[in-house]
Each structure stands twice: as structure tokens, then as C-alpha cells.
Amino acid sequence: MLDINHIIENEALHPTDPEGNMYGLDHWSPLTAMKLAREEGLDELTEAHWHVIYALRNLYRENGHPANVREVMYVLEQSFIEEGGSRYLYELFPKGPVNQASRLAGVPVPPNSSDPSFGWAG
């Protein structure tokens, strides 16, 4: 007998949560990122975009799900300080370097990253 609750609760059967964010690294591919980027208004993912995307994937792979958005933003700012820090990151990802870039990277979006103060610079 089919148990619908088992299907609903099993993340492995669904690559995204109800908001469209991916659950983890397994369901991601560069083609997925490019498709999502076009849907979000980013016409082209440059080498700089890919550098941030892979930095987020590595951060998630090494540390798991982040406790909050501030942790991720701090790591990103420090990783890209020579390029301009948060200003540089917001130029690449205008809907938020943590929120938007995490979605494109196929990693779970940290809690409270949809807060407008972290998510939109334009």
C-alpha cells in the first residue's frame, strides 16, 4: 500500500523544497544552474559567477547546512575581499549573494536569507 506521507517527507524523491530551493548537492548540474540563472534574470553566468557558485558548494560540502545567513555572507566576503567583498558579490548576484547564489549553486538556502536586507541590492 502506498503511504503518501512517506513520499512527502522523503527529500530524496523531490530535488527542491516548496520554495524551489534544492535540498543538497546531488540534484545539481551546471545546466541546472544556467537554467535557474536565466529564470532569475541573469542572462549569462561568467567565470566570476561560477567561482562564487563553486565556493558555496564547497562550503556546504565541508560544513553542511549553515546555521544562518550571516555565517555564509562573512565567508563569502572574506573569500572575495580582493575583488571588492560584498559590493562585488551583489554586482554578480543582485538578488543576494547568499540567497540567489545558493539557489544557483544547488545548496540549501540558509534560514532567514529571504530577509530583504540580505537579498536585494537593486
PDB file of N, CA and C in Angstrom:
ATOM      1  N   MET A   1       0.848  -1.179   0.000  1.00  0.00           N
ATOM      2  CA  MET A   1       0.000   0.000   0.000  1.00  0.00           C
ATOM      3  C   MET A   1       0.895   1.244   0.000  1.00  0.00           C
ATOM      4  N   LEU A   2       0.571   2.217  -0.811  1.00  0.00           N
ATOM      5  CA  LEU A   2       1.331   3.449  -0.948  1.00  0.00           C
ATOM      6  C   LEU A   2       1.025   4.396   0.211  1.00  0.00           C
ATOM      7  N   ASP A   3       2.079   4.824   0.892  1.00  0.00           N
ATOM      8  CA  ASP A   3       1.923   5.759   2.005  1.00  0.00           C
ATOM      9  C   ASP A   3       2.341   7.146   1.530  1.00  0.00           C
ATOM     10  N   ILE A   4       1.386   8.030   1.327  1.00  0.00           N
ATOM     11  CA  ILE A   4       1.651   9.367   0.798  1.00  0.00           C
ATOM     12  C   ILE A   4       2.553  10.179   1.724  1.00  0.00           C
ATOM     13  N   ASN A   5       2.446   9.976   3.028  1.00  0.00           N
ATOM     14  CA  ASN A   5       3.302  10.707   3.961  1.00  0.00           C
ATOM     15  C   ASN A   5       4.771  10.356   3.764  1.00  0.00           C
ATOM     16  N   HIS A   6       5.037   9.091   3.451  1.00  0.00           N
ATOM     17  CA  HIS A   6       6.408   8.666   3.188  1.00  0.00           C
ATOM     18  C   HIS A   6       6.964   9.401   1.974  1.00  0.00           C
ATOM     19  N   ILE A   7       6.163   9.557   0.954  1.00  0.00           N
ATOM     20  CA  ILE A   7       6.601  10.244  -0.263  1.00  0.00           C
ATOM     21  C   ILE A   7       6.811  11.724   0.001  1.00  0.00           C
ATOM     22  N   ILE A   8       5.914  12.358   0.716  1.00  0.00           N
ATOM     23  CA  ILE A   8       6.025  13.784   1.003  1.00  0.00           C
ATOM     24  C   ILE A   8       7.245  14.084   1.863  1.00  0.00           C
ATOM     25  N   GLU A   9       7.533  13.259   2.846  1.00  0.00           N
ATOM     26  CA  GLU A   9       8.617  13.514   3.778  1.00  0.00           C
ATOM     27  C   GLU A   9       9.979  13.072   3.255  1.00  0.00           C
ATOM     28  N   ASN A  10      10.032  12.277   2.217  1.00  0.00           N
ATOM     29  CA  ASN A  10      11.291  11.764   1.705  1.00  0.00           C
ATOM     30  C   ASN A  10      11.914  12.787   0.748  1.00  0.00           C
ATOM     31  N   GLU A  11      12.918  13.545   1.219  1.00  0.00           N
ATOM     32  CA  GLU A  11      13.564  14.576   0.421  1.00  0.00           C
ATOM     33  C   GLU A  11      14.208  14.008  -0.838  1.00  0.00           C
ATOM     34  N   ALA A  12      14.673  12.771  -0.791  1.00  0.00           N
ATOM     35  CA  ALA A  12      15.360  12.176  -1.935  1.00  0.00           C
ATOM     36  C   ALA A  12      14.443  12.060  -3.149  1.00  0.00           C
ATOM     37  N   LEU A  13      13.141  12.012  -2.937  1.00  0.00           N
ATOM     38  CA  LEU A  13      12.205  11.909  -4.051  1.00  0.00           C
ATOM     39  C   LEU A  13      11.912  13.254  -4.689  1.00  0.00           C
ATOM     40  N   HIS A  14      12.257  14.337  -4.022  1.00  0.00           N
ATOM     41  CA  HIS A  14      11.986  15.682  -4.513  1.00  0.00           C
ATOM     42  C   HIS A  14      13.279  16.494  -4.456  1.00  0.00           C
ATOM     43  N   PRO A  15      13.777  16.972  -5.591  1.00  0.00           N
ATOM     44  CA  PRO A  15      15.025  17.728  -5.571  1.00  0.00           C
ATOM     45  C   PRO A  15      14.907  19.114  -4.952  1.00  0.00           C
ATOM     46  N   THR A  16      13.683  19.661  -4.845  1.00  0.00           N
ATOM     47  CA  THR A  16      13.528  21.011  -4.304  1.00  0.00           C
ATOM     48  C   THR A  16      12.485  21.056  -3.198  1.00  0.00           C
ATOM     49  N   ASP A  17      12.616  22.080  -2.358  1.00  0.00           N
ATOM     50  CA  ASP A  17      11.617  22.306  -1.327  1.00  0.00           C
ATOM     51  C   ASP A  17      10.453  23.104  -1.936  1.00  0.00           C
ATOM     52  N   PRO A  18       9.417  23.408  -1.160  1.00  0.00           N
ATOM     53  CA  PRO A  18       8.267  24.134  -1.720  1.00  0.00           C
ATOM     54  C   PRO A  18       8.604  25.505  -2.309  1.00  0.00           C
ATOM     55  N   GLU A  19       9.699  26.141  -1.840  1.00  0.00           N
ATOM     56  CA  GLU A  19      10.113  27.434  -2.372  1.00  0.00           C
ATOM     57  C   GLU A  19      10.986  27.300  -3.615  1.00  0.00           C
ATOM     58  N   GLY A  20      11.308  26.077  -4.013  1.00  0.00           N
ATOM     59  CA  GLY A  20      12.121  25.856  -5.199  1.00  0.00           C
ATOM     60  C   GLY A  20      13.604  25.744  -4.943  1.00  0.00           C
ATOM     61  N   ASN A  21      14.018  25.722  -3.670  1.00  0.00           N
ATOM     62  CA  ASN A  21      15.433  25.580  -3.335  1.00  0.00           C
ATOM     63  C   ASN A  21      15.803  24.109  -3.297  1.00  0.00           C
ATOM     64  N   MET A  22      16.982  23.791  -3.806  1.00  0.00           N
ATOM     65  CA  MET A  22      17.418  22.399  -3.809  1.00  0.00           C
ATOM     66  C   MET A  22      17.803  21.969  -2.408  1.00  0.00           C
ATOM     67  N   TYR A  23      17.609  20.668  -2.153  1.00  0.00           N
ATOM     68  CA  TYR A  23      17.924  20.125  -0.838  1.00  0.00           C
ATOM     69  C   TYR A  23      19.419  19.887  -0.638  1.00  0.00           C
ATOM     70  N   GLY A  24      20.161  19.661  -1.663  1.00  0.00           N
ATOM     71  CA  GLY A  24      21.570  19.333  -1.479  1.00  0.00           C
ATOM     72  C   GLY A  24      22.310  19.252  -2.792  1.00  0.00           C
ATOM     73  N   LEU A  25      23.481  18.674  -2.745  1.00  0.00           N
ATOM     74  CA  LEU A  25      24.382  18.671  -3.880  1.00  0.00           C
ATOM     75  C   LEU A  25      24.008  17.667  -4.963  1.00  0.00           C
ATOM     76  N   ASP A  26      23.245  16.644  -4.652  1.00  0.00           N
ATOM     77  CA  ASP A  26      23.020  15.534  -5.573  1.00  0.00           C
ATOM     78  C   ASP A  26      22.237  15.875  -6.829  1.00  0.00           C
ATOM     79  N   HIS A  27      21.286  16.757  -6.766  1.00  0.00           N
ATOM     80  CA  HIS A  27      20.395  17.023  -7.892  1.00  0.00           C
ATOM     81  C   HIS A  27      20.880  18.168  -8.782  1.00  0.00           C
ATOM     82  N   TRP A  28      22.056  18.677  -8.534  1.00  0.00           N
ATOM     83  CA  TRP A  28      22.560  19.866  -9.213  1.00  0.00           C
ATOM     84  C   TRP A  28      23.426  19.502 -10.407  1.00  0.00           C
ATOM     85  N   SER A  29      23.429  20.374 -11.395  1.00  0.00           N
ATOM     86  CA  SER A  29      24.362  20.300 -12.509  1.00  0.00           C
ATOM     87  C   SER A  29      24.579  21.727 -13.017  1.00  0.00           C
ATOM     88  N   PRO A  30      25.660  21.979 -13.738  1.00  0.00           N
ATOM     89  CA  PRO A  30      25.852  23.318 -14.304  1.00  0.00           C
ATOM     90  C   PRO A  30      24.691  23.745 -15.211  1.00  0.00           C
ATOM     91  N   LEU A  31      24.102  22.797 -15.918  1.00  0.00           N
ATOM     92  CA  LEU A  31      22.953  23.132 -16.768  1.00  0.00           C
ATOM     93  C   LEU A  31      21.767  23.605 -15.926  1.00  0.00           C
ATOM     94  N   THR A  32      21.577  22.974 -14.770  1.00  0.00           N
ATOM     95  CA  THR A  32      20.520  23.402 -13.853  1.00  0.00           C
ATOM     96  C   THR A  32      20.775  24.832 -13.405  1.00  0.00           C
ATOM     97  N   ALA A  33      22.018  25.135 -13.059  1.00  0.00           N
ATOM     98  CA  ALA A  33      22.370  26.488 -12.611  1.00  0.00           C
ATOM     99  C   ALA A  33      22.118  27.511 -13.719  1.00  0.00           C
ATOM    100  N   MET A  34      22.485  27.178 -14.945  1.00  0.00           N
ATOM    101  CA  MET A  34      22.267  28.107 -16.054  1.00  0.00           C
ATOM    102  C   MET A  34      20.779  28.332 -16.304  1.00  0.00           C
ATOM    103  N   LYS A  35      19.985  27.281 -16.194  1.00  0.00           N
ATOM    104  CA  LYS A  35      18.535  27.412 -16.371  1.00  0.00           C
ATOM    105  C   LYS A  35      17.943  28.304 -15.278  1.00  0.00           C
ATOM    106  N   LEU A  36      18.325  28.051 -14.035  1.00  0.00           N
ATOM    107  CA  LEU A  36      17.832  28.873 -12.924  1.00  0.00           C
ATOM    108  C   LEU A  36      18.270  30.323 -13.076  1.00  0.00           C
ATOM    109  N   ALA A  37      19.497  30.531 -13.518  1.00  0.00           N
ATOM    110  CA  ALA A  37      20.017  31.890 -13.699  1.00  0.00           C
ATOM    111  C   ALA A  37      19.178  32.655 -14.721  1.00  0.00           C
ATOM    112  N   ARG A  38      18.865  32.024 -15.828  1.00  0.00           N
ATOM    113  CA  ARG A  38      18.023  32.680 -16.847  1.00  0.00           C
ATOM    114  C   ARG A  38      16.650  33.018 -16.271  1.00  0.00           C
ATOM    115  N   GLU A  39      16.089  32.100 -15.484  1.00  0.00           N
ATOM    116  CA  GLU A  39      14.783  32.351 -14.869  1.00  0.00           C
ATOM    117  C   GLU A  39      14.834  33.521 -13.903  1.00  0.00           C
ATOM    118  N   GLU A  40      16.010  33.767 -13.314  1.00  0.00           N
ATOM    119  CA  GLU A  40      16.152  34.851 -12.341  1.00  0.00           C
ATOM    120  C   GLU A  40      16.698  36.135 -12.960  1.00  0.00           C
ATOM    121  N   GLY A  41      16.809  36.172 -14.281  1.00  0.00           N
ATOM    122  CA  GLY A  41      17.227  37.393 -14.945  1.00  0.00           C
ATOM    123  C   GLY A  41      18.721  37.540 -15.176  1.00  0.00           C
ATOM    124  N   LEU A  42      19.498  36.530 -14.856  1.00  0.00           N
ATOM    125  CA  LEU A  42      20.928  36.562 -15.150  1.00  0.00           C
ATOM    126  C   LEU A  42      21.124  35.876 -16.501  1.00  0.00           C
ATOM    127  N   ASP A  43      21.397  36.660 -17.523  1.00  0.00           N
ATOM    128  CA  ASP A  43      21.482  36.112 -18.871  1.00  0.00           C
ATOM    129  C   ASP A  43      22.662  35.176 -19.061  1.00  0.00           C
ATOM    130  N   GLU A  44      23.765  35.499 -18.416  1.00  0.00           N
ATOM    131  CA  GLU A  44      24.968  34.694 -18.594  1.00  0.00           C
ATOM    132  C   GLU A  44      25.685  34.527 -17.263  1.00  0.00           C
ATOM    133  N   LEU A  45      26.151  33.324 -17.001  1.00  0.00           N
ATOM    134  CA  LEU A  45      26.982  33.084 -15.827  1.00  0.00           C
ATOM    135  C   LEU A  45      28.440  33.155 -16.267  1.00  0.00           C
ATOM    136  N   THR A  46      29.127  34.177 -15.773  1.00  0.00           N
ATOM    137  CA  THR A  46      30.521  34.377 -16.125  1.00  0.00           C
ATOM    138  C   THR A  46      31.417  33.513 -15.240  1.00  0.00           C
ATOM    139  N   GLU A  47      32.699  33.559 -15.517  1.00  0.00           N
ATOM    140  CA  GLU A  47      33.660  32.824 -14.692  1.00  0.00           C
ATOM    141  C   GLU A  47      33.582  33.292 -13.244  1.00  0.00           C
ATOM    142  N   ALA A  48      33.339  34.585 -13.040  1.00  0.00           N
ATOM    143  CA  ALA A  48      33.209  35.126 -11.679  1.00  0.00           C
ATOM    144  C   ALA A  48      32.000  34.520 -10.962  1.00  0.00           C
ATOM    145  N   HIS A  49      30.879  34.397 -11.669  1.00  0.00           N
ATOM    146  CA  HIS A  49      29.689  33.761 -11.082  1.00  0.00           C
ATOM    147  C   HIS A  49      30.007  32.325 -10.670  1.00  0.00           C
ATOM    148  N   TRP A  50      30.659  31.586 -11.576  1.00  0.00           N
ATOM    149  CA  TRP A  50      30.972  30.186 -11.298  1.00  0.00           C
ATOM    150  C   TRP A  50      31.897  30.051 -10.103  1.00  0.00           C
ATOM    151  N   HIS A  51      32.806  31.006  -9.948  1.00  0.00           N
ATOM    152  CA  HIS A  51      33.736  30.960  -8.813  1.00  0.00           C
ATOM    153  C   HIS A  51      32.954  31.037  -7.492  1.00  0.00           C
ATOM    154  N   VAL A  52      31.974  31.930  -7.434  1.00  0.00           N
ATOM    155  CA  VAL A  52      31.144  32.068  -6.233  1.00  0.00           C
ATOM    156  C   VAL A  52      30.275  30.823  -6.046  1.00  0.00           C
ATOM    157  N   ILE A  53      29.679  30.345  -7.115  1.00  0.00           N
ATOM    158  CA  ILE A  53      28.826  29.156  -7.035  1.00  0.00           C
ATOM    159  C   ILE A  53      29.601  27.967  -6.484  1.00  0.00           C
ATOM    160  N   TYR A  54      30.803  27.733  -7.021  1.00  0.00           N
ATOM    161  CA  TYR A  54      31.592  26.592  -6.537  1.00  0.00           C
ATOM    162  C   TYR A  54      32.123  26.832  -5.126  1.00  0.00           C
ATOM    163  N   ALA A  55      32.362  28.081  -4.754  1.00  0.00           N
ATOM    164  CA  ALA A  55      32.764  28.378  -3.372  1.00  0.00           C
ATOM    165  C   ALA A  55      31.644  27.993  -2.406  1.00  0.00           C
ATOM    166  N   LEU A  56      30.401  28.313  -2.767  1.00  0.00           N
ATOM    167  CA  LEU A  56      29.256  27.945  -1.921  1.00  0.00           C
ATOM    168  C   LEU A  56      29.075  26.431  -1.850  1.00  0.00           C
ATOM    169  N   ARG A  57      29.252  25.745  -2.969  1.00  0.00           N
ATOM    170  CA  ARG A  57      29.131  24.283  -2.966  1.00  0.00           C
ATOM    171  C   ARG A  57      30.199  23.647  -2.076  1.00  0.00           C
ATOM    172  N   ASN A  58      31.419  24.167  -2.158  1.00  0.00           N
ATOM    173  CA  ASN A  58      32.495  23.642  -1.318  1.00  0.00           C
ATOM    174  C   ASN A  58      32.239  23.940   0.155  1.00  0.00           C
ATOM    175  N   LEU A  59      31.754  25.134   0.450  1.00  0.00           N
ATOM    176  CA  LEU A  59      31.426  25.496   1.837  1.00  0.00           C
ATOM    177  C   LEU A  59      30.371  24.536   2.394  1.00  0.00           C
ATOM    178  N   TYR A  60      29.343  24.263   1.609  1.00  0.00           N
ATOM    179  CA  TYR A  60      28.296  23.344   2.045  1.00  0.00           C
ATOM    180  C   TYR A  60      28.848  21.925   2.209  1.00  0.00           C
ATOM    181  N   ARG A  61      29.670  21.496   1.260  1.00  0.00           N
ATOM    182  CA  ARG A  61      30.239  20.147   1.313  1.00  0.00           C
ATOM    183  C   ARG A  61      31.105  19.971   2.565  1.00  0.00           C
ATOM    184  N   GLU A  62      31.868  20.999   2.916  1.00  0.00           N
ATOM    185  CA  GLU A  62      32.788  20.914   4.063  1.00  0.00           C
ATOM    186  C   GLU A  62      32.096  21.111   5.406  1.00  0.00           C
ATOM    187  N   ASN A  63      31.059  21.967   5.443  1.00  0.00           N
ATOM    188  CA  ASN A  63      30.464  22.353   6.728  1.00  0.00           C
ATOM    189  C   ASN A  63      29.008  21.954   6.907  1.00  0.00           C
ATOM    190  N   GLY A  64      28.368  21.454   5.865  1.00  0.00           N
ATOM    191  CA  GLY A  64      26.964  21.121   5.979  1.00  0.00           C
ATOM    192  C   GLY A  64      26.090  22.359   5.916  1.00  0.00           C
ATOM    193  N   HIS A  65      24.863  22.185   6.347  1.00  0.00           N
ATOM    194  CA  HIS A  65      23.885  23.273   6.299  1.00  0.00           C
ATOM    195  C   HIS A  65      24.303  24.387   7.255  1.00  0.00           C
ATOM    196  N   PRO A  66      24.449  25.629   6.773  1.00  0.00           N
ATOM    197  CA  PRO A  66      24.857  26.721   7.649  1.00  0.00           C
ATOM    198  C   PRO A  66      23.772  27.082   8.657  1.00  0.00           C
ATOM    199  N   ALA A  67      24.213  27.551   9.805  1.00  0.00           N
ATOM    200  CA  ALA A  67      23.269  27.918  10.867  1.00  0.00           C
ATOM    201  C   ALA A  67      22.481  29.170  10.505  1.00  0.00           C
ATOM    202  N   ASN A  68      23.128  30.110   9.811  1.00  0.00           N
ATOM    203  CA  ASN A  68      22.423  31.339   9.443  1.00  0.00           C
ATOM    204  C   ASN A  68      23.102  32.021   8.258  1.00  0.00           C
ATOM    205  N   VAL A  69      22.425  33.009   7.730  1.00  0.00           N
ATOM    206  CA  VAL A  69      22.888  33.714   6.535  1.00  0.00           C
ATOM    207  C   VAL A  69      24.149  34.533   6.815  1.00  0.00           C
ATOM    208  N   ARG A  70      24.289  35.040   8.031  1.00  0.00           N
ATOM    209  CA  ARG A  70      25.461  35.863   8.359  1.00  0.00           C
ATOM    210  C   ARG A  70      26.767  35.077   8.247  1.00  0.00           C
ATOM    211  N   GLU A  71      26.729  33.823   8.644  1.00  0.00           N
ATOM    212  CA  GLU A  71      27.930  32.977   8.532  1.00  0.00           C
ATOM    213  C   GLU A  71      28.379  32.865   7.083  1.00  0.00           C
ATOM    214  N   VAL A  72      27.439  32.568   6.217  1.00  0.00           N
ATOM    215  CA  VAL A  72      27.754  32.386   4.804  1.00  0.00           C
ATOM    216  C   VAL A  72      28.239  33.699   4.190  1.00  0.00           C
ATOM    217  N   MET A  73      27.557  34.788   4.497  1.00  0.00           N
ATOM    218  CA  MET A  73      27.950  36.089   3.949  1.00  0.00           C
ATOM    219  C   MET A  73      29.353  36.464   4.404  1.00  0.00           C
ATOM    220  N   TYR A  74      29.676  36.201   5.659  1.00  0.00           N
ATOM    221  CA  TYR A  74      31.011  36.517   6.168  1.00  0.00           C
ATOM    222  C   TYR A  74      32.080  35.730   5.404  1.00  0.00           C
ATOM    223  N   VAL A  75      31.852  34.440   5.220  1.00  0.00           N
ATOM    224  CA  VAL A  75      32.820  33.607   4.493  1.00  0.00           C
ATOM    225  C   VAL A  75      32.971  34.093   3.058  1.00  0.00           C
ATOM    226  N   LEU A  76      31.850  34.413   2.404  1.00  0.00           N
ATOM    227  CA  LEU A  76      31.920  34.917   1.032  1.00  0.00           C
ATOM    228  C   LEU A  76      32.665  36.246   0.957  1.00  0.00           C
ATOM    229  N   GLU A  77      32.352  37.159   1.876  1.00  0.00           N
ATOM    230  CA  GLU A  77      33.041  38.453   1.871  1.00  0.00           C
ATOM    231  C   GLU A  77      34.545  38.275   2.034  1.00  0.00           C
ATOM    232  N   GLN A  78      34.949  37.404   2.936  1.00  0.00           N
ATOM    233  CA  GLN A  78      36.378  37.172   3.158  1.00  0.00           C
ATOM    234  C   GLN A  78      37.028  36.486   1.960  1.00  0.00           C
ATOM    235  N   SER A  79      36.313  35.583   1.317  1.00  0.00           N
ATOM    236  CA  SER A  79      36.852  34.863   0.165  1.00  0.00           C
ATOM    237  C   SER A  79      37.025  35.772  -1.047  1.00  0.00           C
ATOM    238  N   PHE A  80      36.209  36.806  -1.139  1.00  0.00           N
ATOM    239  CA  PHE A  80      36.243  37.680  -2.311  1.00  0.00           C
ATOM    240  C   PHE A  80      36.588  39.120  -1.940  1.00  0.00           C
ATOM    241  N   ILE A  81      37.347  39.286  -0.873  1.00  0.00           N
ATOM    242  CA  ILE A  81      37.724  40.625  -0.400  1.00  0.00           C
ATOM    243  C   ILE A  81      38.570  41.368  -1.431  1.00  0.00           C
ATOM    244  N   GLU A  82      39.460  40.672  -2.110  1.00  0.00           N
ATOM    245  CA  GLU A  82      40.324  41.320  -3.099  1.00  0.00           C
ATOM    246  C   GLU A  82      39.545  41.811  -4.309  1.00  0.00           C
ATOM    247  N   GLU A  83      38.433  41.153  -4.614  1.00  0.00           N
ATOM    248  CA  GLU A  83      37.601  41.558  -5.743  1.00  0.00           C
ATOM    249  C   GLU A  83      36.638  42.685  -5.381  1.00  0.00           C
ATOM    250  N   GLY A  84      36.463  42.955  -4.090  1.00  0.00           N
ATOM    251  CA  GLY A  84      35.570  44.017  -3.668  1.00  0.00           C
ATOM    252  C   GLY A  84      34.585  43.614  -2.593  1.00  0.00           C
ATOM    253  N   GLY A  85      34.693  42.391  -2.077  1.00  0.00           N
ATOM    254  CA  GLY A  85      33.842  41.955  -0.970  1.00  0.00           C
ATOM    255  C   GLY A  85      32.371  41.927  -1.320  1.00  0.00           C
ATOM    256  N   SER A  86      31.550  42.442  -0.416  1.00  0.00           N
ATOM    257  CA  SER A  86      30.098  42.332  -0.592  1.00  0.00           C
ATOM    258  C   SER A  86      29.603  43.131  -1.799  1.00  0.00           C
ATOM    259  N   ARG A  87      30.219  44.262  -2.083  1.00  0.00           N
ATOM    260  CA  ARG A  87      29.798  45.058  -3.243  1.00  0.00           C
ATOM    261  C   ARG A  87      29.962  44.229  -4.528  1.00  0.00           C
ATOM    262  N   TYR A  88      31.091  43.571  -4.666  1.00  0.00           N
ATOM    263  CA  TYR A  88      31.374  42.699  -5.811  1.00  0.00           C
ATOM    264  C   TYR A  88      30.346  41.568  -5.895  1.00  0.00           C
ATOM    265  N   LEU A  89      30.051  40.956  -4.760  1.00  0.00           N
ATOM    266  CA  LEU A  89      29.111  39.839  -4.726  1.00  0.00           C
ATOM    267  C   LEU A  89      27.702  40.275  -5.118  1.00  0.00           C
ATOM    268  N   TYR A  90      27.290  41.461  -4.667  1.00  0.00           N
ATOM    269  CA  TYR A  90      25.961  41.964  -5.026  1.00  0.00           C
ATOM    270  C   TYR A  90      25.895  42.371  -6.497  1.00  0.00           C
ATOM    271  N   GLU A  91      27.021  42.783  -7.080  1.00  0.00           N
ATOM    272  CA  GLU A  91      27.035  43.080  -8.513  1.00  0.00           C
ATOM    273  C   GLU A  91      26.809  41.800  -9.326  1.00  0.00           C
ATOM    274  N   LEU A  92      27.395  40.701  -8.861  1.00  0.00           N
ATOM    275  CA  LEU A  92      27.226  39.428  -9.556  1.00  0.00           C
ATOM    276  C   LEU A  92      25.830  38.856  -9.350  1.00  0.00           C
ATOM    277  N   PHE A  93      25.349  38.936  -8.110  1.00  0.00           N
ATOM    278  CA  PHE A  93      24.058  38.342  -7.738  1.00  0.00           C
ATOM    279  C   PHE A  93      23.181  39.421  -7.111  1.00  0.00           C
ATOM    280  N   PRO A  94      22.496  40.222  -7.943  1.00  0.00           N
ATOM    281  CA  PRO A  94      21.728  41.362  -7.423  1.00  0.00           C
ATOM    282  C   PRO A  94      20.572  40.988  -6.496  1.00  0.00           C
ATOM    283  N   LYS A  95      20.109  39.739  -6.543  1.00  0.00           N
ATOM    284  CA  LYS A  95      19.044  39.321  -5.623  1.00  0.00           C
ATOM    285  C   LYS A  95      19.622  38.729  -4.343  1.00  0.00           C
ATOM    286  N   GLY A  96      20.900  38.916  -4.130  1.00  0.00           N
ATOM    287  CA  GLY A  96      21.555  38.494  -2.897  1.00  0.00           C
ATOM    288  C   GLY A  96      22.590  37.416  -3.125  1.00  0.00           C
ATOM    289  N   PRO A  97      23.830  37.692  -2.727  1.00  0.00           N
ATOM    290  CA  PRO A  97      24.888  36.708  -2.928  1.00  0.00           C
ATOM    291  C   PRO A  97      24.678  35.425  -2.138  1.00  0.00           C
ATOM    292  N   VAL A  98      23.959  35.482  -1.054  1.00  0.00           N
ATOM    293  CA  VAL A  98      23.694  34.252  -0.304  1.00  0.00           C
ATOM    294  C   VAL A  98      22.438  33.587  -0.848  1.00  0.00           C
ATOM    295  N   ASN A  99      21.360  34.329  -0.919  1.00  0.00           N
ATOM    296  CA  ASN A  99      20.073  33.769  -1.337  1.00  0.00           C
ATOM    297  C   ASN A  99      20.109  33.293  -2.784  1.00  0.00           C
ATOM    298  N   GLN A 100      20.393  34.176  -3.705  1.00  0.00           N
ATOM    299  CA  GLN A 100      20.365  33.827  -5.116  1.00  0.00           C
ATOM    300  C   GLN A 100      21.487  32.866  -5.495  1.00  0.00           C
ATOM    301  N   ALA A 101      22.688  33.134  -5.030  1.00  0.00           N
ATOM    302  CA  ALA A 101      23.815  32.271  -5.387  1.00  0.00           C
ATOM    303  C   ALA A 101      23.664  30.873  -4.788  1.00  0.00           C
ATOM    304  N   SER A 102      23.094  30.760  -3.608  1.00  0.00           N
ATOM    305  CA  SER A 102      22.863  29.433  -3.018  1.00  0.00           C
ATOM    306  C   SER A 102      21.889  28.631  -3.865  1.00  0.00           C
ATOM    307  N   ARG A 103      20.828  29.293  -4.326  1.00  0.00           N
ATOM    308  CA  ARG A 103      19.875  28.587  -5.193  1.00  0.00           C
ATOM    309  C   ARG A 103      20.561  28.110  -6.469  1.00  0.00           C
ATOM    310  N   LEU A 104      21.367  28.978  -7.071  1.00  0.00           N
ATOM    311  CA  LEU A 104      22.059  28.597  -8.305  1.00  0.00           C
ATOM    312  C   LEU A 104      23.097  27.515  -8.051  1.00  0.00           C
ATOM    313  N   ALA A 105      23.681  27.507  -6.854  1.00  0.00           N
ATOM    314  CA  ALA A 105      24.695  26.510  -6.508  1.00  0.00           C
ATOM    315  C   ALA A 105      24.080  25.171  -6.126  1.00  0.00           C
ATOM    316  N   GLY A 106      22.781  25.150  -5.944  1.00  0.00           N
ATOM    317  CA  GLY A 106      22.112  23.899  -5.592  1.00  0.00           C
ATOM    318  C   GLY A 106      22.326  23.489  -4.158  1.00  0.00           C
ATOM    319  N   VAL A 107      22.572  24.467  -3.298  1.00  0.00           N
ATOM    320  CA  VAL A 107      22.735  24.166  -1.876  1.00  0.00           C
ATOM    321  C   VAL A 107      21.550  24.756  -1.122  1.00  0.00           C
ATOM    322  N   PRO A 108      21.200  24.176   0.024  1.00  0.00           N
ATOM    323  CA  PRO A 108      20.082  24.722   0.791  1.00  0.00           C
ATOM    324  C   PRO A 108      20.338  26.175   1.180  1.00  0.00           C
ATOM    325  N   VAL A 109      19.322  26.982   1.014  1.00  0.00           N
ATOM    326  CA  VAL A 109      19.423  28.390   1.372  1.00  0.00           C
ATOM    327  C   VAL A 109      19.362  28.502   2.884  1.00  0.00           C
ATOM    328  N   PRO A 110      20.302  29.250   3.492  1.00  0.00           N
ATOM    329  CA  PRO A 110      20.317  29.370   4.953  1.00  0.00           C
ATOM    330  C   PRO A 110      19.027  30.005   5.483  1.00  0.00           C
ATOM    331  N   PRO A 111      18.688  29.705   6.730  1.00  0.00           N
ATOM    332  CA  PRO A 111      17.500  30.319   7.340  1.00  0.00           C
ATOM    333  C   PRO A 111      17.595  31.841   7.306  1.00  0.00           C
ATOM    334  N   ASN A 112      16.474  32.491   7.087  1.00  0.00           N
ATOM    335  CA  ASN A 112      16.322  33.949   7.086  1.00  0.00           C
ATOM    336  C   ASN A 112      17.057  34.640   5.943  1.00  0.00           C
ATOM    337  N   SER A 113      17.480  33.905   4.918  1.00  0.00           N
ATOM    338  CA  SER A 113      18.177  34.562   3.815  1.00  0.00           C
ATOM    339  C   SER A 113      17.212  35.297   2.896  1.00  0.00           C
ATOM    340  N   SER A 114      15.917  35.097   3.067  1.00  0.00           N
ATOM    341  CA  SER A 114      14.962  35.837   2.263  1.00  0.00           C
ATOM    342  C   SER A 114      14.677  37.208   2.860  1.00  0.00           C
ATOM    343  N   ASP A 115      15.319  37.540   3.971  1.00  0.00           N
ATOM    344  CA  ASP A 115      15.221  38.865   4.566  1.00  0.00           C
ATOM    345  C   ASP A 115      15.711  39.887   3.535  1.00  0.00           C
ATOM    346  N   PRO A 116      14.920  40.892   3.214  1.00  0.00           N
ATOM    347  CA  PRO A 116      15.311  41.848   2.175  1.00  0.00           C
ATOM    348  C   PRO A 116      16.666  42.510   2.427  1.00  0.00           C
ATOM    349  N   SER A 117      17.075  42.656   3.663  1.00  0.00           N
ATOM    350  CA  SER A 117      18.359  43.277   3.937  1.00  0.00           C
ATOM    351  C   SER A 117      19.515  42.403   3.486  1.00  0.00           C
ATOM    352  N   PHE A 118      19.277  41.115   3.234  1.00  0.00           N
ATOM    353  CA  PHE A 118      20.302  40.220   2.736  1.00  0.00           C
ATOM    354  C   PHE A 118      20.083  39.828   1.293  1.00  0.00           C
ATOM    355  N   GLY A 119      18.965  40.204   0.716  1.00  0.00           N
ATOM    356  CA  GLY A 119      18.624  39.596  -0.547  1.00  0.00           C
ATOM    357  C   GLY A 119      18.468  40.475  -1.756  1.00  0.00           C
ATOM    358  N   TRP A 120      18.487  41.776  -1.632  1.00  0.00           N
ATOM    359  CA  TRP A 120      18.206  42.570  -2.812  1.00  0.00           C
ATOM    360  C   TRP A 120      18.985  43.870  -2.732  1.00  0.00           C
ATOM    361  N   ALA A 121      19.757  44.148  -3.746  1.00  0.00           N
ATOM    362  CA  ALA A 121      20.538  45.378  -3.775  1.00  0.00           C
ATOM    363  C   ALA A 121      20.084  46.314  -4.867  1.00  0.00           C
ATOM    364  N   GLY A 122      19.104  45.903  -5.652  1.00  0.00           N
ATOM    365  CA  GLY A 122      18.727  46.743  -6.799  1.00  0.00           C
ATOM    366  C   GLY A 122      17.339  47.184  -6.792  1.00  0.00           C
TER     367      GLY A 122
END
